[in-house]
């Protein structure tokens, strides 16, 4: 889920969702078969990420998602 309060522009929210889909596909075989929810919990500041599709924003989102999925894929 990417709420408007954390990513105001629809283009930003859609770019983040595409990143989620791409990373989750990479980790699909390592994750248990279940429904998984990824929820944005902090804001992507428009002053820092001027363009919604900037490489800086894409890299920041990708790194955070990779860390999240790594943690989820580790056996308990």
PDB file of N, CA and C in Angstrom:
ATOM      1  N   UNK A   1       0.849  -1.162   0.000  1.00  0.00           N
ATOM      2  CA  UNK A   1       0.000   0.000   0.000  1.00  0.00           C
ATOM      3  C   UNK A   1       0.899   1.229   0.000  1.00  0.00           C
ATOM      4  N   UNK A   2       0.552   2.168  -0.811  1.00  0.00           N
ATOM      5  CA  UNK A   2       1.307   3.417  -0.881  1.00  0.00           C
ATOM      6  C   UNK A   2       0.310   4.555  -0.684  1.00  0.00           C
ATOM      7  N   UNK A   3       0.124   5.000   0.561  1.00  0.00           N
ATOM      8  CA  UNK A   3      -0.859   6.048   0.829  1.00  0.00           C
ATOM      9  C   UNK A   3      -0.428   7.415   0.301  1.00  0.00           C
ATOM     10  N   UNK A   4      -1.409   8.224   0.005  1.00  0.00           N
ATOM     11  CA  UNK A   4      -1.159   9.575  -0.520  1.00  0.00           C
ATOM     12  C   UNK A   4      -0.372  10.435   0.452  1.00  0.00           C
ATOM     13  N   UNK A   5      -0.544  10.217   1.725  1.00  0.00           N
ATOM     14  CA  UNK A   5       0.158  11.094   2.684  1.00  0.00           C
ATOM     15  C   UNK A   5       1.668  10.911   2.633  1.00  0.00           C
ATOM     16  N   UNK A   6       2.156   9.749   2.159  1.00  0.00           N
ATOM     17  CA  UNK A   6       3.593   9.504   2.081  1.00  0.00           C
ATOM     18  C   UNK A   6       4.166   9.740   0.690  1.00  0.00           C
ATOM     19  N   UNK A   7       3.353   9.579  -0.336  1.00  0.00           N
ATOM     20  CA  UNK A   7       3.793   9.847  -1.713  1.00  0.00           C
ATOM     21  C   UNK A   7       2.638  10.572  -2.391  1.00  0.00           C
ATOM     22  N   UNK A   8       2.709  11.872  -2.427  1.00  0.00           N
ATOM     23  CA  UNK A   8       1.582  12.702  -2.869  1.00  0.00           C
ATOM     24  C   UNK A   8       1.198  12.514  -4.334  1.00  0.00           C
ATOM     25  N   UNK A   9       2.183  12.378  -5.201  1.00  0.00           N
ATOM     26  CA  UNK A   9       1.883  12.303  -6.631  1.00  0.00           C
ATOM     27  C   UNK A   9       1.589  10.863  -7.058  1.00  0.00           C
ATOM     28  N   UNK A  10       0.574  10.696  -7.887  1.00  0.00           N
ATOM     29  CA  UNK A  10       0.192   9.363  -8.369  1.00  0.00           C
ATOM     30  C   UNK A  10       1.338   8.709  -9.129  1.00  0.00           C
ATOM     31  N   UNK A  11       2.090   9.495  -9.868  1.00  0.00           N
ATOM     32  CA  UNK A  11       3.204   8.940 -10.627  1.00  0.00           C
ATOM     33  C   UNK A  11       4.262   8.358  -9.694  1.00  0.00           C
ATOM     34  N   UNK A  12       4.463   8.979  -8.539  1.00  0.00           N
ATOM     35  CA  UNK A  12       5.409   8.462  -7.549  1.00  0.00           C
ATOM     36  C   UNK A  12       4.882   7.169  -6.949  1.00  0.00           C
ATOM     37  N   UNK A  13       3.609   7.167  -6.575  1.00  0.00           N
ATOM     38  CA  UNK A  13       3.020   5.950  -5.999  1.00  0.00           C
ATOM     39  C   UNK A  13       3.085   4.790  -6.988  1.00  0.00           C
ATOM     40  N   UNK A  14       2.797   5.057  -8.243  1.00  0.00           N
ATOM     41  CA  UNK A  14       2.838   4.003  -9.256  1.00  0.00           C
ATOM     42  C   UNK A  14       4.260   3.495  -9.485  1.00  0.00           C
ATOM     43  N   UNK A  15       5.239   4.385  -9.457  1.00  0.00           N
ATOM     44  CA  UNK A  15       6.636   3.977  -9.617  1.00  0.00           C
ATOM     45  C   UNK A  15       7.068   3.091  -8.454  1.00  0.00           C
ATOM     46  N   UNK A  16       6.645   3.438  -7.252  1.00  0.00           N
ATOM     47  CA  UNK A  16       6.965   2.636  -6.074  1.00  0.00           C
ATOM     48  C   UNK A  16       6.306   1.263  -6.181  1.00  0.00           C
ATOM     49  N   UNK A  17       5.061   1.225  -6.613  1.00  0.00           N
ATOM     50  CA  UNK A  17       4.367  -0.066  -6.776  1.00  0.00           C
ATOM     51  C   UNK A  17       5.072  -0.944  -7.806  1.00  0.00           C
ATOM     52  N   UNK A  18       5.532  -0.356  -8.894  1.00  0.00           N
ATOM     53  CA  UNK A  18       6.261  -1.140  -9.902  1.00  0.00           C
ATOM     54  C   UNK A  18       7.542  -1.720  -9.308  1.00  0.00           C
ATOM     55  N   UNK A  19       8.210  -0.958  -8.474  1.00  0.00           N
ATOM     56  CA  UNK A  19       9.411  -1.459  -7.803  1.00  0.00           C
ATOM     57  C   UNK A  19       9.059  -2.631  -6.881  1.00  0.00           C
ATOM     58  N   UNK A  20       7.959  -2.515  -6.165  1.00  0.00           N
ATOM     59  CA  UNK A  20       7.522  -3.595  -5.273  1.00  0.00           C
ATOM     60  C   UNK A  20       7.272  -4.862  -6.078  1.00  0.00           C
ATOM     61  N   UNK A  21       6.572  -4.743  -7.195  1.00  0.00           N
ATOM     62  CA  UNK A  21       6.280  -5.912  -8.029  1.00  0.00           C
ATOM     63  C   UNK A  21       7.570  -6.539  -8.567  1.00  0.00           C
ATOM     64  N   UNK A  22       8.512  -5.728  -8.987  1.00  0.00           N
ATOM     65  CA  UNK A  22       9.760  -6.240  -9.560  1.00  0.00           C
ATOM     66  C   UNK A  22      10.595  -6.965  -8.500  1.00  0.00           C
ATOM     67  N   UNK A  23      10.739  -6.371  -7.337  1.00  0.00           N
ATOM     68  CA  UNK A  23      11.529  -6.988  -6.274  1.00  0.00           C
ATOM     69  C   UNK A  23      10.842  -8.244  -5.752  1.00  0.00           C
ATOM     70  N   UNK A  24       9.536  -8.201  -5.593  1.00  0.00           N
ATOM     71  CA  UNK A  24       8.831  -9.388  -5.090  1.00  0.00           C
ATOM     72  C   UNK A  24       8.946 -10.553  -6.070  1.00  0.00           C
ATOM     73  N   UNK A  25       9.005 -10.279  -7.353  1.00  0.00           N
ATOM     74  CA  UNK A  25       9.187 -11.345  -8.340  1.00  0.00           C
ATOM     75  C   UNK A  25      10.558 -11.994  -8.182  1.00  0.00           C
ATOM     76  N   UNK A  26      11.570 -11.206  -7.845  1.00  0.00           N
ATOM     77  CA  UNK A  26      12.913 -11.748  -7.627  1.00  0.00           C
ATOM     78  C   UNK A  26      12.969 -12.657  -6.399  1.00  0.00           C
ATOM     79  N   UNK A  27      12.193 -12.335  -5.375  1.00  0.00           N
ATOM     80  CA  UNK A  27      12.211 -13.088  -4.124  1.00  0.00           C
ATOM     81  C   UNK A  27      11.106 -14.142  -4.052  1.00  0.00           C
ATOM     82  N   UNK A  28      10.335 -14.295  -5.097  1.00  0.00           N
ATOM     83  CA  UNK A  28       9.168 -15.178  -5.079  1.00  0.00           C
ATOM     84  C   UNK A  28       9.500 -16.601  -4.627  1.00  0.00           C
ATOM     85  N   UNK A  29      10.582 -17.158  -5.134  1.00  0.00           N
ATOM     86  CA  UNK A  29      10.915 -18.540  -4.800  1.00  0.00           C
ATOM     87  C   UNK A  29      11.411 -18.687  -3.360  1.00  0.00           C
ATOM     88  N   UNK A  30      11.916 -17.619  -2.775  1.00  0.00           N
ATOM     89  CA  UNK A  30      12.449 -17.670  -1.411  1.00  0.00           C
ATOM     90  C   UNK A  30      11.413 -17.371  -0.336  1.00  0.00           C
ATOM     91  N   UNK A  31      10.285 -16.810  -0.735  1.00  0.00           N
ATOM     92  CA  UNK A  31       9.249 -16.450   0.233  1.00  0.00           C
ATOM     93  C   UNK A  31       8.232 -17.581   0.376  1.00  0.00           C
ATOM     94  N   UNK A  32       7.650 -17.729   1.560  1.00  0.00           N
ATOM     95  CA  UNK A  32       6.606 -18.737   1.715  1.00  0.00           C
ATOM     96  C   UNK A  32       5.386 -18.376   0.867  1.00  0.00           C
ATOM     97  N   UNK A  33       4.658 -19.388   0.470  1.00  0.00           N
ATOM     98  CA  UNK A  33       3.460 -19.170  -0.334  1.00  0.00           C
ATOM     99  C   UNK A  33       2.372 -18.570   0.569  1.00  0.00           C
ATOM    100  N   UNK A  34       2.156 -17.289   0.435  1.00  0.00           N
ATOM    101  CA  UNK A  34       1.190 -16.564   1.267  1.00  0.00           C
ATOM    102  C   UNK A  34       0.956 -15.202   0.648  1.00  0.00           C
ATOM    103  N   UNK A  35      -0.031 -14.510   1.163  1.00  0.00           N
ATOM    104  CA  UNK A  35      -0.273 -13.134   0.740  1.00  0.00           C
ATOM    105  C   UNK A  35       0.656 -12.240   1.559  1.00  0.00           C
ATOM    106  N   UNK A  36       1.378 -11.375   0.890  1.00  0.00           N
ATOM    107  CA  UNK A  36       2.306 -10.471   1.559  1.00  0.00           C
ATOM    108  C   UNK A  36       1.858  -9.039   1.317  1.00  0.00           C
ATOM    109  N   UNK A  37       1.964  -8.223   2.353  1.00  0.00           N
ATOM    110  CA  UNK A  37       1.587  -6.812   2.253  1.00  0.00           C
ATOM    111  C   UNK A  37       2.835  -5.967   2.473  1.00  0.00           C
ATOM    112  N   UNK A  38       3.082  -5.065   1.553  1.00  0.00           N
ATOM    113  CA  UNK A  38       4.180  -4.104   1.686  1.00  0.00           C
ATOM    114  C   UNK A  38       3.524  -2.747   1.851  1.00  0.00           C
ATOM    115  N   UNK A  39       3.836  -2.089   2.956  1.00  0.00           N
ATOM    116  CA  UNK A  39       3.190  -0.817   3.255  1.00  0.00           C
ATOM    117  C   UNK A  39       4.248   0.256   3.465  1.00  0.00           C
ATOM    118  N   UNK A  40       4.099   1.337   2.753  1.00  0.00           N
ATOM    119  CA  UNK A  40       5.003   2.473   2.897  1.00  0.00           C
ATOM    120  C   UNK A  40       4.740   3.130   4.247  1.00  0.00           C
ATOM    121  N   UNK A  41       5.808   3.328   5.007  1.00  0.00           N
ATOM    122  CA  UNK A  41       5.646   3.857   6.356  1.00  0.00           C
ATOM    123  C   UNK A  41       6.275   5.216   6.576  1.00  0.00           C
ATOM    124  N   UNK A  42       6.969   5.734   5.586  1.00  0.00           N
ATOM    125  CA  UNK A  42       7.539   7.070   5.741  1.00  0.00           C
ATOM    126  C   UNK A  42       7.484   7.791   4.400  1.00  0.00           C
ATOM    127  N   UNK A  43       7.584   9.081   4.481  1.00  0.00           N
ATOM    128  CA  UNK A  43       7.410   9.940   3.314  1.00  0.00           C
ATOM    129  C   UNK A  43       8.650   9.967   2.428  1.00  0.00           C
ATOM    130  N   UNK A  44       8.412  10.073   1.124  1.00  0.00           N
ATOM    131  CA  UNK A  44       9.473  10.371   0.170  1.00  0.00           C
ATOM    132  C   UNK A  44       9.353  11.856  -0.120  1.00  0.00           C
ATOM    133  N   UNK A  45      10.254  12.615   0.461  1.00  0.00           N
ATOM    134  CA  UNK A  45      10.203  14.072   0.412  1.00  0.00           C
ATOM    135  C   UNK A  45      10.402  14.603  -1.006  1.00  0.00           C
ATOM    136  N   UNK A  46       9.489  15.445  -1.458  1.00  0.00           N
ATOM    137  CA  UNK A  46       9.565  16.029  -2.802  1.00  0.00           C
ATOM    138  C   UNK A  46      10.769  16.949  -2.965  1.00  0.00           C
ATOM    139  N   UNK A  47      11.283  17.493  -1.873  1.00  0.00           N
ATOM    140  CA  UNK A  47      12.476  18.350  -1.971  1.00  0.00           C
ATOM    141  C   UNK A  47      13.718  17.504  -2.261  1.00  0.00           C
ATOM    142  N   UNK A  48      13.744  16.283  -1.719  1.00  0.00           N
ATOM    143  CA  UNK A  48      14.883  15.406  -1.941  1.00  0.00           C
ATOM    144  C   UNK A  48      14.759  14.656  -3.266  1.00  0.00           C
ATOM    145  N   UNK A  49      13.555  14.191  -3.572  1.00  0.00           N
ATOM    146  CA  UNK A  49      13.307  13.440  -4.799  1.00  0.00           C
ATOM    147  C   UNK A  49      12.411  14.289  -5.696  1.00  0.00           C
ATOM    148  N   UNK A  50      13.031  15.178  -6.451  1.00  0.00           N
ATOM    149  CA  UNK A  50      12.295  16.161  -7.248  1.00  0.00           C
ATOM    150  C   UNK A  50      11.446  15.498  -8.316  1.00  0.00           C
ATOM    151  N   UNK A  51      12.023  14.554  -9.035  1.00  0.00           N
ATOM    152  CA  UNK A  51      11.291  13.849 -10.088  1.00  0.00           C
ATOM    153  C   UNK A  51      10.749  12.535  -9.535  1.00  0.00           C
ATOM    154  N   UNK A  52       9.531  12.221  -9.895  1.00  0.00           N
ATOM    155  CA  UNK A  52       8.902  10.987  -9.418  1.00  0.00           C
ATOM    156  C   UNK A  52       9.547   9.750 -10.009  1.00  0.00           C
ATOM    157  N   UNK A  53      10.226   9.904 -11.119  1.00  0.00           N
ATOM    158  CA  UNK A  53      10.867   8.754 -11.748  1.00  0.00           C
ATOM    159  C   UNK A  53      12.380   8.913 -11.806  1.00  0.00           C
ATOM    160  N   UNK A  54      12.933   9.684 -10.880  1.00  0.00           N
ATOM    161  CA  UNK A  54      14.374   9.921 -10.870  1.00  0.00           C
ATOM    162  C   UNK A  54      15.127   8.656 -10.469  1.00  0.00           C
ATOM    163  N   UNK A  55      16.338   8.489 -10.980  1.00  0.00           N
ATOM    164  CA  UNK A  55      17.164   7.345 -10.572  1.00  0.00           C
ATOM    165  C   UNK A  55      17.437   7.342  -9.064  1.00  0.00           C
ATOM    166  N   UNK A  56      17.554   8.520  -8.466  1.00  0.00           N
ATOM    167  CA  UNK A  56      17.783   8.622  -7.029  1.00  0.00           C
ATOM    168  C   UNK A  56      16.624   8.000  -6.245  1.00  0.00           C
ATOM    169  N   UNK A  57      15.404   8.330  -6.624  1.00  0.00           N
ATOM    170  CA  UNK A  57      14.227   7.762  -5.960  1.00  0.00           C
ATOM    171  C   UNK A  57      14.153   6.258  -6.204  1.00  0.00           C
ATOM    172  N   UNK A  58      14.365   5.830  -7.433  1.00  0.00           N
ATOM    173  CA  UNK A  58      14.308   4.400  -7.759  1.00  0.00           C
ATOM    174  C   UNK A  58      15.324   3.609  -6.939  1.00  0.00           C
ATOM    175  N   UNK A  59      16.539   4.136  -6.823  1.00  0.00           N
ATOM    176  CA  UNK A  59      17.568   3.452  -6.043  1.00  0.00           C
ATOM    177  C   UNK A  59      17.214   3.390  -4.561  1.00  0.00           C
ATOM    178  N   UNK A  60      16.690   4.477  -4.025  1.00  0.00           N
ATOM    179  CA  UNK A  60      16.313   4.510  -2.607  1.00  0.00           C
ATOM    180  C   UNK A  60      15.214   3.490  -2.323  1.00  0.00           C
ATOM    181  N   UNK A  61      14.217   3.441  -3.191  1.00  0.00           N
ATOM    182  CA  UNK A  61      13.109   2.499  -3.012  1.00  0.00           C
ATOM    183  C   UNK A  61      13.619   1.070  -3.163  1.00  0.00           C
ATOM    184  N   UNK A  62      14.437   0.825  -4.181  1.00  0.00           N
ATOM    185  CA  UNK A  62      14.944  -0.525  -4.440  1.00  0.00           C
ATOM    186  C   UNK A  62      15.773  -1.041  -3.255  1.00  0.00           C
ATOM    187  N   UNK A  63      16.652  -0.212  -2.722  1.00  0.00           N
ATOM    188  CA  UNK A  63      17.475  -0.632  -1.589  1.00  0.00           C
ATOM    189  C   UNK A  63      16.633  -0.977  -0.370  1.00  0.00           C
ATOM    190  N   UNK A  64      15.663  -0.137  -0.085  1.00  0.00           N
ATOM    191  CA  UNK A  64      14.795  -0.388   1.064  1.00  0.00           C
ATOM    192  C   UNK A  64      13.984  -1.668   0.868  1.00  0.00           C
ATOM    193  N   UNK A  65      13.455  -1.866  -0.331  1.00  0.00           N
ATOM    194  CA  UNK A  65      12.674  -3.066  -0.606  1.00  0.00           C
ATOM    195  C   UNK A  65      13.528  -4.332  -0.557  1.00  0.00           C
ATOM    196  N   UNK A  66      14.734  -4.265  -1.083  1.00  0.00           N
ATOM    197  CA  UNK A  66      15.612  -5.433  -1.041  1.00  0.00           C
ATOM    198  C   UNK A  66      15.922  -5.827   0.401  1.00  0.00           C
ATOM    199  N   UNK A  67      16.158  -4.850   1.265  1.00  0.00           N
ATOM    200  CA  UNK A  67      16.403  -5.152   2.673  1.00  0.00           C
ATOM    201  C   UNK A  67      15.160  -5.774   3.316  1.00  0.00           C
ATOM    202  N   UNK A  68      14.018  -5.231   3.012  1.00  0.00           N
ATOM    203  CA  UNK A  68      12.764  -5.735   3.568  1.00  0.00           C
ATOM    204  C   UNK A  68      12.511  -7.179   3.121  1.00  0.00           C
ATOM    205  N   UNK A  69      12.664  -7.443   1.835  1.00  0.00           N
ATOM    206  CA  UNK A  69      12.419  -8.787   1.325  1.00  0.00           C
ATOM    207  C   UNK A  69      13.484  -9.779   1.805  1.00  0.00           C
ATOM    208  N   UNK A  70      14.723  -9.325   1.980  1.00  0.00           N
ATOM    209  CA  UNK A  70      15.767 -10.200   2.547  1.00  0.00           C
ATOM    210  C   UNK A  70      15.370 -10.662   3.936  1.00  0.00           C
ATOM    211  N   UNK A  71      14.889  -9.717   4.739  1.00  0.00           N
ATOM    212  CA  UNK A  71      14.449 -10.073   6.104  1.00  0.00           C
ATOM    213  C   UNK A  71      13.278 -11.035   6.074  1.00  0.00           C
ATOM    214  N   UNK A  72      12.331 -10.804   5.164  1.00  0.00           N
ATOM    215  CA  UNK A  72      11.150 -11.664   5.078  1.00  0.00           C
ATOM    216  C   UNK A  72      11.508 -13.052   4.565  1.00  0.00           C
ATOM    217  N   UNK A  73      12.543 -13.172   3.744  1.00  0.00           N
ATOM    218  CA  UNK A  73      12.913 -14.451   3.157  1.00  0.00           C
ATOM    219  C   UNK A  73      13.751 -15.317   4.092  1.00  0.00           C
ATOM    220  N   UNK A  74      14.331 -14.729   5.127  1.00  0.00           N
ATOM    221  CA  UNK A  74      15.151 -15.509   6.059  1.00  0.00           C
ATOM    222  C   UNK A  74      14.262 -16.426   6.882  1.00  0.00           C
ATOM    223  N   UNK A  75      14.690 -17.670   7.048  1.00  0.00           N
ATOM    224  CA  UNK A  75      13.896 -18.585   7.884  1.00  0.00           C
ATOM    225  C   UNK A  75      13.920 -18.155   9.342  1.00  0.00           C
ATOM    226  N   UNK A  76      12.809 -18.307  10.000  1.00  0.00           N
ATOM    227  CA  UNK A  76      12.704 -17.896  11.414  1.00  0.00           C
ATOM    228  C   UNK A  76      13.336 -18.910  12.337  1.00  0.00           C
TER     229      UNK A  76
END
